[in-house]
Amino acid sequence: MPDPRSAKGPSKAAPSKPAPSKPAAEGAVGESIRRKAFRILGLPAVAALFARDPGRVERLFFDDRMKEKVGSYCAGLAQARKVYRLLPAEEMEKVAGTPLHGGVVAVAAPRPVLPLDIDEAARWAAAGEPLMILDGVGNPHNLGAIVRTCAFFGINRLVLSDHAEQALPSEAAYRVAEGGFEYVTLYQLPRFAQSLRHLRAHYRIVGTALGDHPDPATVLPAAAGGNANPKPAALILGNEEIGLPAPTLQACNQLVTLRGSGQVQSLNVSATAAILVHALAAPGAATPGDRRA
């Protein structure tokens, strides 16, 4: 491993602290998002970043317990003439902005949030690939947890609405996703309710709501009910407090309700997503596998 104290300047120089992170999309969608670097914490997320797109990494900081595990990353950064540093615990906490950094921090640009093209979505639908859609999920921790769930089950595309409350990629979301953002491509759909009506030509638009609606397991899989559905499902989850807006509900082909014991009204949206994404990715529902759109 290259000497972590020798890269880009003297070892005793204090590392610059990255500016506080704002949500990456901040009213913009597309390649410009890539320019807003922020901190990615913990070995799972950093390892996924280096495995998928190491060129995005600008700087790497780590403590003594991670020294051997990040050796190959340091070698690559040394070749690219980029900064890496072995830091004492107190400096690591300052760089990370939290004591919960897992021993390693990469400063990197997030992957871009891409505008969703309906024609491209039609090709995914023709291949039988389901979609996960969020409309107003505002908590960045919930976004990160849902991205992690999608990556785990192989649903590698996630569509975000233009809802004013919709969370976008951020340091907090990346921290919770544990590397999931490197495998799940995010899209944003403008004029959301209107665009859903165009998406209906290719997908069964399935919304979640409280009430007397069918169980998701009977609706979401491509082979639900024992018969192959002609269109894959596009599942929509709504805001943590108010659910899906009325225009979104009206644009759905069908609504589903996840029922429990009745002792509490509902689950956290990320817990609901974990159950429903499992159903969405059930046998008979083709997934895009390990490829980027």
Protein backbone atom coordinates (compact mmCIF):
# COMPACT_ATOMS: atom_id res chain seq x y z
CA MET A 1 0.00 0.00 0.00
CA PRO A 2 1.36 3.51 -0.72
CA ASP A 3 2.37 5.46 2.37
CA PRO A 4 -0.89 7.17 3.42
CA ARG A 5 1.10 10.03 4.93
CA SER A 6 2.84 10.96 1.67
CA ALA A 7 0.00 11.67 -0.72
CA LYS A 8 -0.44 15.26 -1.87
CA GLY A 9 1.41 17.26 0.75
CA PRO A 10 2.75 16.87 4.29
CA SER A 11 0.99 14.49 6.63
CA LYS A 12 0.60 17.02 9.43
CA ALA A 13 -1.44 19.40 7.32
CA ALA A 14 -5.00 19.47 8.54
CA PRO A 15 -7.44 18.23 5.89
CA SER A 16 -9.96 20.68 4.63
CA LYS A 17 -13.47 19.98 5.82
CA PRO A 18 -15.98 19.55 3.00
CA ALA A 19 -18.72 22.13 2.91
CA PRO A 20 -22.00 21.06 4.52
CA SER A 21 -23.89 18.90 2.09
CA LYS A 22 -27.14 20.00 0.53
CA PRO A 23 -29.42 17.64 -1.37
CA ALA A 24 -27.68 16.83 -4.60
CA ALA A 25 -30.47 17.71 -6.97
CA GLU A 26 -31.56 21.00 -5.40
CA GLY A 27 -34.05 21.86 -8.15
CA ALA A 28 -31.89 20.49 -10.96
CA VAL A 29 -31.77 17.17 -12.73
CA GLY A 30 -28.98 15.82 -14.90
CA GLU A 31 -25.24 15.83 -15.22
CA SER A 32 -24.76 19.08 -13.29
CA ILE A 33 -25.55 17.18 -10.09
CA ARG A 34 -22.24 15.35 -10.43
CA ARG A 35 -20.29 18.55 -9.60
CA LYS A 36 -21.61 18.79 -6.03
CA ALA A 37 -19.34 16.49 -4.06
CA PHE A 38 -20.19 15.33 -0.57
CA ARG A 39 -19.00 12.86 2.03
CA ILE A 40 -19.73 9.15 1.67
CA LEU A 41 -19.20 7.32 4.96
CA GLY A 42 -18.49 3.73 5.94
CA LEU A 43 -16.77 0.83 4.25
CA PRO A 44 -19.83 -0.69 2.49
CA ALA A 45 -20.68 2.59 0.74
CA VAL A 46 -17.04 3.47 -0.03
CA ALA A 47 -16.31 -0.05 -1.30
CA ALA A 48 -19.32 0.09 -3.63
CA LEU A 49 -18.17 3.49 -4.90
CA PHE A 50 -14.69 2.23 -5.73
CA ALA A 51 -16.10 -0.95 -7.29
CA ARG A 52 -18.52 0.88 -9.56
CA ASP A 53 -17.04 4.27 -10.37
CA PRO A 54 -13.70 5.07 -8.67
CA GLY A 55 -13.14 8.09 -10.92
CA ARG A 56 -15.78 10.01 -8.95
CA VAL A 57 -13.67 9.92 -5.79
CA GLU A 58 -11.87 13.19 -5.09
CA ARG A 59 -10.40 12.51 -1.63
CA LEU A 60 -10.22 9.61 0.83
CA PHE A 61 -9.74 9.77 4.60
CA PHE A 62 -9.47 6.78 6.94
CA ASP A 63 -8.34 5.77 10.40
CA ASP A 64 -5.81 3.16 11.46
CA ARG A 65 -8.30 0.27 11.65
CA MET A 66 -9.15 0.73 7.95
CA LYS A 67 -5.56 1.08 6.72
CA GLU A 68 -5.23 -2.43 5.29
CA LYS A 69 -8.76 -2.53 3.88
CA VAL A 70 -8.34 0.63 1.81
CA GLY A 71 -4.86 -0.14 0.49
CA SER A 72 -5.99 -0.84 -3.07
CA TYR A 73 -8.08 2.34 -3.07
CA CYS A 74 -5.06 4.39 -2.01
CA ALA A 75 -2.98 2.84 -4.77
CA GLY A 76 -5.54 3.89 -7.35
CA LEU A 77 -5.78 7.40 -5.93
CA ALA A 78 -1.98 7.72 -5.89
CA GLN A 79 -1.88 6.79 -9.57
CA ALA A 80 -4.56 9.42 -10.27
CA ARG A 81 -2.67 11.97 -8.12
CA LYS A 82 -5.59 12.41 -5.76
CA VAL A 83 -5.57 12.96 -2.01
CA TYR A 84 -5.79 10.21 0.60
CA ARG A 85 -4.94 10.50 4.29
CA LEU A 86 -4.59 8.34 7.38
CA LEU A 87 -6.02 10.47 10.20
CA PRO A 88 -6.27 10.23 13.99
CA ALA A 89 -9.71 9.72 15.48
CA GLU A 90 -10.39 13.35 16.35
CA GLU A 91 -9.55 14.56 12.85
CA MET A 92 -11.64 11.80 11.25
CA GLU A 93 -14.65 12.97 13.23
CA LYS A 94 -14.11 16.54 12.03
CA VAL A 95 -13.78 15.49 8.39
CA ALA A 96 -16.82 13.19 8.58
CA GLY A 97 -18.95 15.64 10.55
CA THR A 98 -20.03 12.76 12.81
CA PRO A 99 -18.42 10.13 15.03
CA LEU A 100 -20.44 7.50 13.14
CA HIS A 101 -18.15 7.37 10.10
CA GLY A 102 -17.15 3.71 10.17
CA GLY A 103 -13.48 4.54 9.83
CA VAL A 104 -13.47 5.74 6.24
CA VAL A 105 -14.77 8.79 4.37
CA ALA A 106 -14.71 9.37 0.62
CA VAL A 107 -15.41 12.79 -0.84
CA ALA A 108 -17.08 12.19 -4.18
CA ALA A 109 -19.74 13.46 -6.53
CA PRO A 110 -23.06 11.59 -6.32
CA ARG A 111 -24.45 9.82 -9.33
CA PRO A 112 -26.77 12.10 -11.32
CA VAL A 113 -30.55 12.01 -11.13
CA LEU A 114 -31.62 11.59 -14.74
CA PRO A 115 -34.81 12.84 -16.42
CA LEU A 116 -37.08 9.89 -17.16
CA ASP A 117 -37.77 9.37 -20.84
CA ILE A 118 -41.12 7.62 -21.45
CA ASP A 119 -39.83 5.95 -24.61
CA GLU A 120 -36.95 4.47 -22.66
CA ALA A 121 -39.36 3.31 -19.96
CA ALA A 122 -41.40 1.61 -22.68
CA ARG A 123 -38.36 -0.51 -23.54
CA TRP A 124 -37.96 -1.51 -19.89
CA ALA A 125 -41.62 -2.47 -19.75
CA ALA A 126 -41.30 -4.52 -22.94
CA ALA A 127 -38.52 -6.45 -21.21
CA GLY A 128 -40.85 -7.09 -18.27
CA GLU A 129 -38.89 -4.94 -15.82
CA PRO A 130 -40.91 -3.46 -12.93
CA LEU A 131 -40.45 0.07 -11.61
CA MET A 132 -40.35 1.57 -8.13
CA ILE A 133 -41.59 5.17 -7.84
CA LEU A 134 -41.57 7.61 -4.91
CA ASP A 135 -43.94 10.57 -4.77
CA GLY A 136 -43.13 12.88 -1.87
CA VAL A 137 -41.04 10.64 0.40
CA GLY A 138 -39.38 13.51 2.24
CA ASN A 139 -37.04 11.97 4.81
CA PRO A 140 -33.54 11.39 3.37
CA HIS A 141 -33.06 8.40 5.69
CA ASN A 142 -36.17 6.81 4.20
CA LEU A 143 -34.86 7.49 0.68
CA GLY A 144 -31.55 5.84 1.57
CA ALA A 145 -33.28 2.83 3.13
CA ILE A 146 -35.49 2.38 0.07
CA VAL A 147 -32.49 2.61 -2.27
CA ARG A 148 -30.75 -0.04 -0.16
CA THR A 149 -33.83 -2.28 -0.39
CA CYS A 150 -34.08 -1.81 -4.16
CA ALA A 151 -30.41 -2.73 -4.59
CA PHE A 152 -30.81 -5.80 -2.37
CA PHE A 153 -33.71 -7.14 -4.44
CA GLY A 154 -32.27 -6.13 -7.81
CA ILE A 155 -34.73 -3.32 -8.63
CA ASN A 156 -32.02 -1.13 -10.10
CA ARG A 157 -34.13 1.84 -11.20
CA LEU A 158 -35.97 4.22 -8.90
CA VAL A 159 -38.15 7.07 -10.16
CA LEU A 160 -38.71 10.22 -8.09
CA SER A 161 -41.60 12.60 -8.59
CA ASP A 162 -41.31 16.38 -8.79
CA HIS A 163 -43.24 16.65 -5.51
CA ALA A 164 -41.95 19.61 -3.47
CA GLU A 165 -41.33 17.33 -0.47
CA GLN A 166 -39.50 14.58 -2.37
CA ALA A 167 -36.06 13.87 -0.88
CA LEU A 168 -33.12 13.79 -3.27
CA PRO A 169 -29.64 12.27 -2.88
CA SER A 170 -27.74 13.66 0.11
CA GLU A 171 -25.03 12.65 2.55
CA ALA A 172 -27.67 11.33 4.94
CA ALA A 173 -29.36 9.25 2.25
CA TYR A 174 -26.04 7.83 1.03
CA ARG A 175 -25.05 6.90 4.59
CA VAL A 176 -28.24 4.86 5.12
CA ALA A 177 -28.12 3.24 1.66
CA GLU A 178 -24.87 1.39 2.47
CA GLY A 179 -23.67 1.52 -1.15
CA GLY A 180 -27.09 1.07 -2.76
CA PHE A 181 -26.86 4.33 -4.71
CA GLU A 182 -24.02 2.84 -6.77
CA TYR A 183 -26.36 0.14 -8.09
CA VAL A 184 -29.72 1.93 -8.32
CA THR A 185 -30.10 4.57 -11.03
CA LEU A 186 -32.36 7.46 -10.02
CA TYR A 187 -34.70 9.23 -12.42
CA GLN A 188 -37.03 12.17 -11.96
CA LEU A 189 -40.40 12.47 -13.67
CA PRO A 190 -41.60 16.07 -14.24
CA ARG A 191 -45.30 16.96 -14.47
CA PHE A 192 -45.74 13.82 -12.47
CA ALA A 193 -49.48 13.04 -12.53
CA GLN A 194 -49.74 13.91 -16.23
CA SER A 195 -46.65 11.84 -17.07
CA LEU A 196 -48.05 8.86 -15.15
CA ARG A 197 -50.91 8.75 -17.61
CA HIS A 198 -48.42 8.34 -20.44
CA LEU A 199 -46.55 5.68 -18.45
CA ARG A 200 -49.82 3.74 -18.16
CA ALA A 201 -49.50 2.77 -21.80
CA HIS A 202 -46.57 0.56 -20.77
CA TYR A 203 -46.97 -0.18 -17.05
CA ARG A 204 -49.68 -1.09 -14.59
CA ILE A 205 -49.52 1.93 -12.25
CA VAL A 206 -50.11 0.60 -8.74
CA GLY A 207 -50.48 3.04 -5.84
CA THR A 208 -50.43 2.37 -2.11
CA ALA A 209 -53.22 3.66 0.12
CA LEU A 210 -55.12 2.89 3.30
CA GLY A 211 -58.53 1.37 2.75
CA ASP A 212 -60.21 -1.72 1.39
CA HIS A 213 -57.88 -2.48 -1.51
CA PRO A 214 -56.30 -5.77 -2.69
CA ASP A 215 -53.24 -7.24 -1.05
CA PRO A 216 -50.02 -6.25 -2.89
CA ALA A 217 -48.93 -9.88 -3.25
CA THR A 218 -51.97 -10.53 -5.44
CA VAL A 219 -51.25 -7.57 -7.72
CA LEU A 220 -47.55 -6.76 -8.00
CA PRO A 221 -45.80 -9.87 -9.36
CA ALA A 222 -45.96 -10.44 -13.10
CA ALA A 223 -47.43 -13.88 -12.43
CA ALA A 224 -49.92 -12.73 -9.77
CA GLY A 225 -53.13 -14.75 -9.70
CA GLY A 226 -51.54 -17.52 -11.73
CA ASN A 227 -51.75 -15.56 -14.99
CA ALA A 228 -49.01 -13.56 -16.63
CA ASN A 229 -49.92 -9.89 -16.63
CA PRO A 230 -49.41 -8.17 -19.99
CA LYS A 231 -47.65 -5.22 -18.34
CA PRO A 232 -45.17 -5.10 -15.45
CA ALA A 233 -46.07 -3.10 -12.36
CA ALA A 234 -44.88 0.39 -11.51
CA LEU A 235 -45.36 0.72 -7.75
CA ILE A 236 -45.76 4.18 -6.16
CA LEU A 237 -45.18 5.03 -2.49
CA GLY A 238 -46.20 8.42 -1.13
CA ASN A 239 -45.34 10.94 1.56
CA GLU A 240 -44.71 9.69 5.10
CA GLU A 241 -47.62 11.67 6.57
CA ILE A 242 -50.23 12.25 3.87
CA GLY A 243 -49.57 9.40 1.44
CA LEU A 244 -50.17 9.85 -2.27
CA PRO A 245 -51.69 13.13 -3.54
CA ALA A 246 -55.15 12.95 -5.11
CA PRO A 247 -53.89 13.53 -8.70
CA THR A 248 -51.47 10.61 -8.32
CA LEU A 249 -54.18 8.34 -6.93
CA GLN A 250 -56.41 9.23 -9.88
CA ALA A 251 -53.62 8.35 -12.33
CA CYS A 252 -53.19 4.83 -10.89
CA ASN A 253 -54.64 1.75 -12.55
CA GLN A 254 -55.06 0.09 -9.18
CA LEU A 255 -54.51 0.67 -5.46
CA VAL A 256 -53.21 -1.82 -2.90
CA THR A 257 -53.22 -1.90 0.89
CA LEU A 258 -50.68 -3.65 3.11
CA ARG A 259 -52.72 -4.97 6.05
CA GLY A 260 -51.47 -5.57 9.57
CA SER A 261 -52.93 -6.47 12.94
CA GLY A 262 -54.69 -3.14 13.32
CA GLN A 263 -52.80 -2.29 16.50
CA VAL A 264 -51.01 0.52 14.64
CA GLN A 265 -52.29 2.14 11.48
CA SER A 266 -49.31 1.69 9.21
CA LEU A 267 -45.59 1.03 8.83
CA ASN A 268 -42.82 3.50 8.19
CA VAL A 269 -42.59 4.03 4.43
CA SER A 270 -39.15 2.38 4.23
CA ALA A 271 -40.47 -0.73 6.02
CA THR A 272 -43.47 -0.79 3.68
CA ALA A 273 -41.09 -0.48 0.74
CA ALA A 274 -39.06 -3.48 1.89
CA ILE A 275 -42.15 -5.69 1.91
CA LEU A 276 -43.56 -4.40 -1.37
CA VAL A 277 -40.27 -4.41 -3.27
CA HIS A 278 -39.91 -8.07 -2.31
CA ALA A 279 -43.31 -8.70 -3.92
CA LEU A 280 -42.42 -6.52 -6.91
CA ALA A 281 -39.26 -8.56 -7.51
CA ALA A 282 -40.98 -11.91 -6.94
CA PRO A 283 -40.42 -14.77 -9.43
CA GLY A 284 -42.04 -13.87 -12.70
CA ALA A 285 -41.06 -10.20 -12.42
CA ALA A 286 -38.00 -9.60 -14.57
CA THR A 287 -35.39 -7.23 -13.12
CA PRO A 288 -32.68 -5.28 -14.91
CA GLY A 289 -29.92 -7.14 -13.06
CA ASP A 290 -26.51 -5.60 -12.51
CA ARG A 291 -26.49 -3.04 -15.28
CA ARG A 292 -26.92 0.67 -15.51
CA ALA A 293 -29.59 2.27 -17.63
